[in-house]
């Protein structure tokens, strides 16, 4: 019996059933299809999680609005608004003593990068703290549709500093 190999890199779920029928006609059993279906479901889940996190978020201190979006294979966040350009005293909540503003402007700066899905509905990447000019490891997770928990740390998340960010669109809706 001649064996056939079918390679899939990215495949929409809606086409899976049609592909499954063709694969079975080619002599491939469900045993061979299960890992492919699991990978497609995993990719769709990661994509839906990214969609949930994507949007504009107000930091706990209220000093910045950060636009989180897809950047290639990961998520990143750029500063879309600065609410207190001259006051970084609230930035100490991320673990640094207040200092004067860094020389580089923060508006438009990518302060979150490389966020990929992790365990227990978390995303892991790096975050820039404008109070001390340092970049830290970071985890974020959705607490609800309106709240995002952001934890910056050096060694372990348990030893880090946590903020709860609020989705901006919900703040605007609440003010109307």
Protein backbone atom coordinates (compact mmCIF):
# COMPACT_ATOMS: atom_id res chain seq x y z
CA UNK A 1 0.00 0.00 0.00
CA UNK A 2 1.35 3.39 -0.98
CA UNK A 3 1.33 5.96 1.84
CA UNK A 4 0.51 9.61 1.27
CA UNK A 5 1.63 12.53 3.38
CA UNK A 6 -0.45 15.67 3.67
CA UNK A 7 1.20 18.73 5.23
CA UNK A 8 -0.82 21.56 6.75
CA UNK A 9 0.68 24.72 8.14
CA UNK A 10 -2.34 26.94 8.74
CA UNK A 11 -5.82 25.73 7.97
CA UNK A 12 -9.17 27.35 8.81
CA UNK A 13 -11.49 25.20 10.91
CA UNK A 14 -14.37 25.56 8.46
CA UNK A 15 -12.35 23.67 5.86
CA UNK A 16 -11.37 20.92 8.30
CA UNK A 17 -14.38 18.70 7.61
CA UNK A 18 -13.84 18.86 3.83
CA UNK A 19 -10.14 18.13 4.28
CA UNK A 20 -10.96 15.30 6.69
CA UNK A 21 -13.17 13.60 4.09
CA UNK A 22 -10.43 13.89 1.44
CA UNK A 23 -7.80 12.61 3.86
CA UNK A 24 -9.94 9.59 4.75
CA UNK A 25 -10.47 8.84 1.04
CA UNK A 26 -6.68 8.90 0.70
CA UNK A 27 -6.48 6.21 3.38
CA UNK A 28 -5.64 8.34 6.42
CA UNK A 29 -7.56 7.41 9.54
CA UNK A 30 -8.88 9.63 12.32
CA UNK A 31 -5.80 8.58 14.29
CA UNK A 32 -3.69 10.70 11.93
CA UNK A 33 -6.20 13.56 11.84
CA UNK A 34 -6.56 14.07 15.60
CA UNK A 35 -3.21 15.90 16.09
CA UNK A 36 -4.02 18.20 13.15
CA UNK A 37 -7.47 19.01 14.54
CA UNK A 38 -6.00 19.63 18.01
CA UNK A 39 -3.42 22.05 16.58
CA UNK A 40 -6.10 23.94 14.64
CA UNK A 41 -8.25 24.22 17.77
CA UNK A 42 -5.22 25.39 19.77
CA UNK A 43 -4.42 28.07 17.16
CA UNK A 44 -8.04 29.25 17.17
CA UNK A 45 -8.05 29.43 20.99
CA UNK A 46 -4.83 31.47 21.04
CA UNK A 47 -6.29 33.78 18.41
CA UNK A 48 -9.50 34.29 20.40
CA UNK A 49 -7.49 35.00 23.57
CA UNK A 50 -5.46 37.58 21.66
CA UNK A 51 -8.67 39.18 20.45
CA UNK A 52 -9.92 39.43 24.04
CA UNK A 53 -6.75 41.21 25.20
CA UNK A 54 -6.51 43.49 22.16
CA UNK A 55 -7.71 47.03 22.71
CA UNK A 56 -6.87 50.22 24.58
CA UNK A 57 -6.15 49.96 28.30
CA UNK A 58 -5.74 52.65 30.98
CA UNK A 59 -2.93 51.92 33.44
CA UNK A 60 -3.81 51.68 37.13
CA UNK A 61 -2.23 55.08 37.83
CA UNK A 62 -4.23 56.63 34.99
CA UNK A 63 -1.05 58.08 33.49
CA UNK A 64 -1.02 56.14 30.20
CA UNK A 65 -3.34 54.55 27.70
CA UNK A 66 -1.77 51.54 25.99
CA UNK A 67 -3.03 50.06 22.71
CA UNK A 68 -2.47 46.27 22.75
CA UNK A 69 -2.57 44.54 19.35
CA UNK A 70 -1.05 41.75 17.28
CA UNK A 71 2.55 42.27 16.25
CA UNK A 72 3.39 39.28 14.09
CA UNK A 73 3.18 36.09 16.16
CA UNK A 74 2.87 37.93 19.48
CA UNK A 75 1.08 40.84 21.14
CA UNK A 76 2.63 44.23 21.78
CA UNK A 77 1.47 47.46 23.37
CA UNK A 78 2.13 51.06 22.30
CA UNK A 79 1.40 54.18 24.30
CA UNK A 80 -1.55 55.85 22.59
CA UNK A 81 -2.11 58.65 25.12
CA UNK A 82 -0.18 60.27 27.96
CA UNK A 83 -2.46 61.67 30.66
CA UNK A 84 0.19 63.07 33.04
CA UNK A 85 3.35 63.74 31.05
CA UNK A 86 4.99 65.64 33.91
CA UNK A 87 4.09 63.30 36.77
CA UNK A 88 5.59 59.84 37.11
CA UNK A 89 5.15 59.55 40.88
CA UNK A 90 2.42 56.94 40.39
CA UNK A 91 4.77 54.79 38.32
CA UNK A 92 6.38 53.57 41.53
CA UNK A 93 3.55 51.03 41.59
CA UNK A 94 5.58 49.00 39.10
CA UNK A 95 8.44 48.74 41.58
CA UNK A 96 10.72 51.70 40.95
CA UNK A 97 11.36 54.88 42.88
CA UNK A 98 9.98 57.94 41.09
CA UNK A 99 12.48 59.72 38.89
CA UNK A 100 12.31 62.45 36.32
CA UNK A 101 10.86 61.65 32.91
CA UNK A 102 13.17 59.71 30.58
CA UNK A 103 14.71 61.73 27.76
CA UNK A 104 12.91 59.68 25.11
CA UNK A 105 9.26 60.58 24.50
CA UNK A 106 6.82 57.87 25.58
CA UNK A 107 3.90 58.70 23.25
CA UNK A 108 3.89 56.13 20.44
CA UNK A 109 6.57 54.05 22.17
CA UNK A 110 6.20 50.27 22.25
CA UNK A 111 6.33 49.52 25.97
CA UNK A 112 5.03 45.93 25.80
CA UNK A 113 6.48 43.36 23.42
CA UNK A 114 6.74 39.66 22.70
CA UNK A 115 3.59 38.61 24.58
CA UNK A 116 2.78 34.99 23.79
CA UNK A 117 0.20 32.68 25.41
CA UNK A 118 1.34 30.93 28.57
CA UNK A 119 -0.20 28.71 31.22
CA UNK A 120 -3.52 29.40 32.95
CA UNK A 121 -4.80 32.06 30.55
CA UNK A 122 -1.72 34.26 30.89
CA UNK A 123 0.41 36.05 28.33
CA UNK A 124 4.14 36.49 28.92
CA UNK A 125 6.46 39.09 27.44
CA UNK A 126 8.39 42.22 28.41
CA UNK A 127 7.29 45.64 29.63
CA UNK A 128 9.14 48.97 29.78
CA UNK A 129 8.78 51.03 32.96
CA UNK A 130 9.18 54.70 32.15
CA UNK A 131 9.78 55.59 35.81
CA UNK A 132 13.18 53.90 35.89
CA UNK A 133 13.88 53.31 32.20
CA UNK A 134 14.12 49.54 32.80
CA UNK A 135 12.51 46.66 30.92
CA UNK A 136 11.04 43.83 33.00
CA UNK A 137 9.60 40.39 32.38
CA UNK A 138 5.83 40.63 32.49
CA UNK A 139 2.71 38.50 32.68
CA UNK A 140 -0.79 39.66 31.91
CA UNK A 141 -4.15 37.97 32.24
CA UNK A 142 -7.74 38.98 31.75
CA UNK A 143 -9.65 39.29 35.01
CA UNK A 144 -12.81 40.25 33.13
CA UNK A 145 -13.76 41.94 29.86
CA UNK A 146 -12.94 45.29 31.50
CA UNK A 147 -9.90 44.44 33.66
CA UNK A 148 -6.41 43.27 32.75
CA UNK A 149 -3.94 42.20 35.43
CA UNK A 150 -0.36 43.23 34.54
CA UNK A 151 2.54 41.91 36.65
CA UNK A 152 6.09 43.16 36.07
CA UNK A 153 8.94 41.22 37.67
CA UNK A 154 12.68 40.48 37.61
CA UNK A 155 12.90 36.84 38.68
CA UNK A 156 9.44 35.34 39.37
CA UNK A 157 5.92 36.73 38.89
CA UNK A 158 5.20 36.01 42.58
CA UNK A 159 7.90 38.57 43.51
CA UNK A 160 6.70 41.21 41.05
CA UNK A 161 4.42 44.23 41.20
CA UNK A 162 0.87 43.97 39.91
CA UNK A 163 -1.46 46.59 38.46
CA UNK A 164 -5.01 46.22 37.21
CA UNK A 165 -5.60 48.08 33.96
CA UNK A 166 -9.07 49.11 32.79
CA UNK A 167 -10.34 48.89 29.23
CA UNK A 168 -10.69 52.45 27.90
CA UNK A 169 -13.78 51.86 25.76
CA UNK A 170 -15.74 50.88 28.88
CA UNK A 171 -14.66 54.06 30.68
CA UNK A 172 -15.89 56.16 27.76
CA UNK A 173 -19.20 54.28 27.66
CA UNK A 174 -19.69 54.73 31.41
CA UNK A 175 -19.21 58.52 31.13
CA UNK A 176 -21.94 58.97 28.47
